[in-house]
Amino acid sequence: MKLSVYTLLIVVSLVVSPLHPHNSKELIQVVLLGGQSNMAGHGQYEALSTTDKQRIDKIADRLLASIKDNDPTPLSYAEGKSHVKNFGPELFLGVELAE
């Protein structure tokens, strides 16, 4: 459930981002991801290849995510209670769209 909220907030932050003013005629594409267990984010960041981590770092300044009332941060992994770095489908969807 938290990941679904996280994903929705990513989309919202892209739409209302200062990089895309409301008076702009630029086309903004929005992708909504929904689900429960399929959005749980069990991908292990540490298991990614160096190439994939570089792809994420390369677009990090263009994609921001905000959870609840926190300030937006670059799209990346989420650190769980056991300090394991996990990610869900939103990470590479964001990478693909940004590239």
N, C-alpha and C. Protein backbone atom coordinates (compact mmCIF):
# COMPACT_ATOMS: atom_id res chain seq x y z
N MET A 1 0.82 -1.20 0.00
CA MET A 1 0.00 0.00 0.00
C MET A 1 0.86 1.26 0.00
N LYS A 2 1.94 1.25 0.82
CA LYS A 2 2.81 2.42 0.87
C LYS A 2 3.45 2.69 -0.48
N LEU A 3 3.82 1.62 -1.19
CA LEU A 3 4.44 1.79 -2.49
C LEU A 3 3.47 2.38 -3.49
N SER A 4 2.19 1.99 -3.40
CA SER A 4 1.18 2.57 -4.29
C SER A 4 1.04 4.07 -4.04
N VAL A 5 1.06 4.45 -2.78
CA VAL A 5 1.01 5.87 -2.43
C VAL A 5 2.26 6.56 -2.94
N TYR A 6 3.40 5.91 -2.77
CA TYR A 6 4.68 6.44 -3.23
C TYR A 6 4.63 6.69 -4.74
N THR A 7 4.14 5.71 -5.48
CA THR A 7 4.05 5.83 -6.93
C THR A 7 3.10 6.94 -7.34
N LEU A 8 1.96 7.02 -6.70
CA LEU A 8 1.01 8.08 -7.01
C LEU A 8 1.64 9.45 -6.73
N LEU A 9 2.37 9.57 -5.65
CA LEU A 9 3.00 10.84 -5.33
C LEU A 9 4.09 11.21 -6.33
N ILE A 10 4.75 10.22 -6.89
CA ILE A 10 5.73 10.49 -7.94
C ILE A 10 5.04 11.14 -9.12
N VAL A 11 3.94 10.56 -9.53
CA VAL A 11 3.19 11.09 -10.67
C VAL A 11 2.71 12.50 -10.38
N VAL A 12 2.17 12.71 -9.19
CA VAL A 12 1.68 14.03 -8.82
C VAL A 12 2.82 15.04 -8.81
N SER A 13 3.98 14.64 -8.28
CA SER A 13 5.10 15.57 -8.22
C SER A 13 5.58 15.94 -9.62
N LEU A 14 5.48 15.01 -10.56
CA LEU A 14 5.85 15.32 -11.94
C LEU A 14 4.88 16.32 -12.56
N VAL A 15 3.63 16.19 -12.24
CA VAL A 15 2.62 17.07 -12.82
C VAL A 15 2.72 18.47 -12.26
N VAL A 16 2.94 18.60 -10.97
CA VAL A 16 2.96 19.93 -10.36
C VAL A 16 4.37 20.47 -10.16
N SER A 17 5.34 19.82 -10.73
CA SER A 17 6.73 20.23 -10.59
C SER A 17 6.95 21.63 -11.15
N PRO A 18 7.83 22.41 -10.51
CA PRO A 18 8.15 23.73 -11.06
C PRO A 18 8.84 23.65 -12.42
N LEU A 19 9.31 22.47 -12.79
CA LEU A 19 9.92 22.31 -14.10
C LEU A 19 8.86 22.33 -15.20
N HIS A 20 7.61 22.15 -14.81
CA HIS A 20 6.50 22.14 -15.76
C HIS A 20 5.44 23.14 -15.30
N PRO A 21 5.63 24.43 -15.57
CA PRO A 21 4.64 25.41 -15.12
C PRO A 21 3.27 25.14 -15.73
N HIS A 22 2.23 25.53 -14.99
CA HIS A 22 0.86 25.27 -15.45
C HIS A 22 0.52 26.01 -16.73
N ASN A 23 1.16 27.13 -16.98
CA ASN A 23 0.84 27.89 -18.19
C ASN A 23 1.64 27.38 -19.40
N SER A 24 2.41 26.35 -19.23
CA SER A 24 3.20 25.79 -20.31
C SER A 24 2.30 24.99 -21.25
N LYS A 25 2.64 25.00 -22.52
CA LYS A 25 1.89 24.21 -23.50
C LYS A 25 2.60 22.89 -23.76
N GLU A 26 3.60 22.57 -22.94
CA GLU A 26 4.34 21.33 -23.06
C GLU A 26 3.45 20.15 -22.67
N LEU A 27 3.52 19.10 -23.46
CA LEU A 27 2.76 17.89 -23.19
C LEU A 27 3.40 17.14 -22.03
N ILE A 28 2.61 16.79 -21.04
CA ILE A 28 3.09 16.01 -19.91
C ILE A 28 2.39 14.67 -19.95
N GLN A 29 3.18 13.60 -19.95
CA GLN A 29 2.62 12.26 -19.96
C GLN A 29 2.59 11.75 -18.52
N VAL A 30 1.46 11.21 -18.11
CA VAL A 30 1.28 10.71 -16.77
C VAL A 30 0.98 9.22 -16.84
N VAL A 31 1.67 8.45 -16.02
CA VAL A 31 1.44 7.02 -15.94
C VAL A 31 1.07 6.70 -14.50
N LEU A 32 -0.09 6.09 -14.31
CA LEU A 32 -0.52 5.69 -12.98
C LEU A 32 -0.29 4.19 -12.81
N LEU A 33 0.35 3.82 -11.73
CA LEU A 33 0.57 2.42 -11.41
C LEU A 33 -0.31 2.07 -10.22
N GLY A 34 -1.02 0.99 -10.30
CA GLY A 34 -1.87 0.60 -9.19
C GLY A 34 -1.70 -0.87 -8.89
N GLY A 35 -1.97 -1.23 -7.69
CA GLY A 35 -1.86 -2.62 -7.30
C GLY A 35 -1.55 -2.73 -5.83
N GLN A 36 -1.44 -3.92 -5.37
CA GLN A 36 -1.11 -4.15 -3.96
C GLN A 36 0.15 -4.99 -3.89
N SER A 37 0.02 -6.29 -3.86
CA SER A 37 1.21 -7.13 -3.69
C SER A 37 2.17 -7.00 -4.87
N ASN A 38 1.65 -6.70 -6.06
CA ASN A 38 2.53 -6.56 -7.21
C ASN A 38 3.29 -5.23 -7.20
N MET A 39 2.96 -4.35 -6.27
CA MET A 39 3.64 -3.06 -6.16
C MET A 39 4.45 -2.97 -4.87
N ALA A 40 4.69 -4.09 -4.24
CA ALA A 40 5.28 -4.09 -2.90
C ALA A 40 6.74 -3.66 -2.87
N GLY A 41 7.44 -3.74 -3.96
CA GLY A 41 8.82 -3.25 -3.98
C GLY A 41 9.82 -4.20 -3.35
N HIS A 42 9.91 -5.40 -3.91
CA HIS A 42 10.86 -6.37 -3.36
C HIS A 42 12.12 -6.50 -4.20
N GLY A 43 12.31 -5.61 -5.17
CA GLY A 43 13.56 -5.62 -5.92
C GLY A 43 14.70 -5.20 -5.00
N GLN A 44 15.83 -5.85 -5.12
CA GLN A 44 16.97 -5.55 -4.25
C GLN A 44 17.97 -4.67 -4.98
N TYR A 45 18.10 -3.44 -4.50
CA TYR A 45 18.96 -2.45 -5.14
C TYR A 45 20.41 -2.93 -5.21
N GLU A 46 20.90 -3.54 -4.16
CA GLU A 46 22.30 -3.98 -4.13
C GLU A 46 22.59 -5.07 -5.16
N ALA A 47 21.56 -5.76 -5.63
CA ALA A 47 21.75 -6.81 -6.63
C ALA A 47 21.79 -6.27 -8.06
N LEU A 48 21.51 -4.98 -8.24
CA LEU A 48 21.53 -4.38 -9.58
C LEU A 48 22.96 -4.30 -10.11
N SER A 49 23.07 -4.33 -11.42
CA SER A 49 24.37 -4.17 -12.05
C SER A 49 24.84 -2.73 -11.92
N THR A 50 26.12 -2.52 -12.08
CA THR A 50 26.68 -1.18 -12.06
C THR A 50 26.05 -0.33 -13.15
N THR A 51 25.80 -0.93 -14.30
CA THR A 51 25.17 -0.21 -15.42
C THR A 51 23.79 0.30 -15.04
N ASP A 52 22.99 -0.55 -14.39
CA ASP A 52 21.65 -0.12 -13.98
C ASP A 52 21.71 0.99 -12.93
N LYS A 53 22.62 0.88 -11.99
CA LYS A 53 22.77 1.93 -10.97
C LYS A 53 23.20 3.24 -11.61
N GLN A 54 24.05 3.17 -12.63
CA GLN A 54 24.45 4.39 -13.35
C GLN A 54 23.28 5.00 -14.10
N ARG A 55 22.41 4.17 -14.68
CA ARG A 55 21.21 4.67 -15.37
C ARG A 55 20.32 5.43 -14.39
N ILE A 56 20.16 4.88 -13.18
CA ILE A 56 19.34 5.53 -12.15
C ILE A 56 19.97 6.87 -11.76
N ASP A 57 21.26 6.87 -11.50
CA ASP A 57 21.95 8.10 -11.11
C ASP A 57 21.86 9.17 -12.19
N LYS A 58 21.91 8.75 -13.44
CA LYS A 58 21.91 9.70 -14.56
C LYS A 58 20.60 10.49 -14.66
N ILE A 59 19.48 9.89 -14.28
CA ILE A 59 18.19 10.57 -14.40
C ILE A 59 17.68 11.09 -13.06
N ALA A 60 18.43 10.87 -12.00
CA ALA A 60 17.95 11.21 -10.65
C ALA A 60 17.58 12.68 -10.49
N ASP A 61 18.24 13.57 -11.20
CA ASP A 61 17.94 15.00 -11.07
C ASP A 61 16.66 15.40 -11.80
N ARG A 62 16.08 14.48 -12.60
CA ARG A 62 14.88 14.80 -13.36
C ARG A 62 13.61 14.17 -12.82
N LEU A 63 13.73 13.19 -11.94
CA LEU A 63 12.56 12.52 -11.38
C LEU A 63 12.60 12.60 -9.87
N LEU A 64 11.57 13.19 -9.30
CA LEU A 64 11.50 13.34 -7.85
C LEU A 64 10.29 12.60 -7.31
N ALA A 65 10.42 12.13 -6.08
CA ALA A 65 9.32 11.45 -5.40
C ALA A 65 9.13 12.10 -4.04
N SER A 66 7.88 12.15 -3.61
CA SER A 66 7.56 12.72 -2.30
C SER A 66 6.61 11.78 -1.58
N ILE A 67 6.92 11.47 -0.34
CA ILE A 67 6.07 10.60 0.46
C ILE A 67 5.50 11.42 1.60
N LYS A 68 4.18 11.41 1.69
CA LYS A 68 3.46 12.16 2.71
C LYS A 68 3.85 13.62 2.66
N ASP A 69 4.28 14.19 3.77
CA ASP A 69 4.63 15.61 3.82
C ASP A 69 6.12 15.87 3.64
N ASN A 70 6.88 14.87 3.25
CA ASN A 70 8.33 15.03 3.09
C ASN A 70 8.65 15.79 1.81
N ASP A 71 9.79 16.45 1.81
CA ASP A 71 10.24 17.14 0.61
C ASP A 71 10.55 16.11 -0.49
N PRO A 72 10.37 16.49 -1.74
CA PRO A 72 10.69 15.58 -2.84
C PRO A 72 12.17 15.21 -2.83
N THR A 73 12.45 13.96 -3.15
CA THR A 73 13.82 13.46 -3.26
C THR A 73 13.95 12.73 -4.58
N PRO A 74 15.18 12.57 -5.08
CA PRO A 74 15.36 11.85 -6.34
C PRO A 74 14.80 10.43 -6.26
N LEU A 75 14.21 9.99 -7.36
CA LEU A 75 13.65 8.64 -7.44
C LEU A 75 14.78 7.63 -7.28
N SER A 76 14.66 6.76 -6.31
CA SER A 76 15.68 5.75 -6.05
C SER A 76 15.05 4.63 -5.24
N TYR A 77 15.86 3.94 -4.47
CA TYR A 77 15.38 2.84 -3.63
C TYR A 77 14.78 3.38 -2.34
N ALA A 78 14.10 2.52 -1.63
CA ALA A 78 13.58 2.84 -0.29
C ALA A 78 14.28 1.92 0.70
N GLU A 79 14.73 2.49 1.78
CA GLU A 79 15.41 1.67 2.79
C GLU A 79 14.39 1.19 3.80
N GLY A 80 14.28 -0.13 3.92
CA GLY A 80 13.31 -0.73 4.83
C GLY A 80 13.79 -0.77 6.26
N LYS A 81 12.96 -1.35 7.11
CA LYS A 81 13.28 -1.45 8.54
C LYS A 81 14.56 -2.22 8.79
N SER A 82 14.84 -3.20 7.97
CA SER A 82 16.05 -4.00 8.16
C SER A 82 17.23 -3.42 7.40
N HIS A 83 17.11 -2.17 6.97
CA HIS A 83 18.16 -1.45 6.24
C HIS A 83 18.50 -2.09 4.89
N VAL A 84 17.52 -2.82 4.34
CA VAL A 84 17.67 -3.39 3.02
C VAL A 84 17.15 -2.37 2.02
N LYS A 85 17.88 -2.16 0.95
CA LYS A 85 17.49 -1.20 -0.08
C LYS A 85 16.62 -1.91 -1.11
N ASN A 86 15.33 -1.59 -1.12
CA ASN A 86 14.37 -2.21 -2.03
C ASN A 86 13.80 -1.18 -2.99
N PHE A 87 13.26 -1.67 -4.10
CA PHE A 87 12.58 -0.80 -5.05
C PHE A 87 11.45 -1.58 -5.70
N GLY A 88 10.52 -0.85 -6.27
CA GLY A 88 9.39 -1.45 -6.96
C GLY A 88 9.45 -1.12 -8.45
N PRO A 89 8.40 -1.43 -9.17
CA PRO A 89 8.38 -1.22 -10.62
C PRO A 89 8.49 0.25 -11.02
N GLU A 90 8.17 1.16 -10.10
CA GLU A 90 8.24 2.59 -10.43
C GLU A 90 9.66 3.05 -10.75
N LEU A 91 10.66 2.38 -10.19
CA LEU A 91 12.04 2.83 -10.38
C LEU A 91 12.45 2.72 -11.85
N PHE A 92 12.31 1.54 -12.44
CA PHE A 92 12.76 1.39 -13.83
C PHE A 92 11.74 1.92 -14.83
N LEU A 93 10.48 2.03 -14.43
CA LEU A 93 9.52 2.72 -15.29
C LEU A 93 9.95 4.18 -15.40
N GLY A 94 10.31 4.79 -14.28
CA GLY A 94 10.81 6.16 -14.28
C GLY A 94 12.07 6.31 -15.10
N VAL A 95 12.99 5.37 -14.98
CA VAL A 95 14.24 5.40 -15.76
C VAL A 95 13.93 5.34 -17.25
N GLU A 96 13.09 4.38 -17.63
CA GLU A 96 12.75 4.23 -19.06
C GLU A 96 12.10 5.49 -19.62
N LEU A 97 11.16 6.06 -18.87
CA LEU A 97 10.48 7.26 -19.35
C LEU A 97 11.43 8.45 -19.44
N ALA A 98 12.36 8.55 -18.50
CA ALA A 98 13.29 9.67 -18.50
C ALA A 98 14.33 9.56 -19.62
N GLU A 99 14.70 8.34 -19.93
CA GLU A 99 15.70 8.15 -21.01
C GLU A 99 15.07 8.43 -22.36
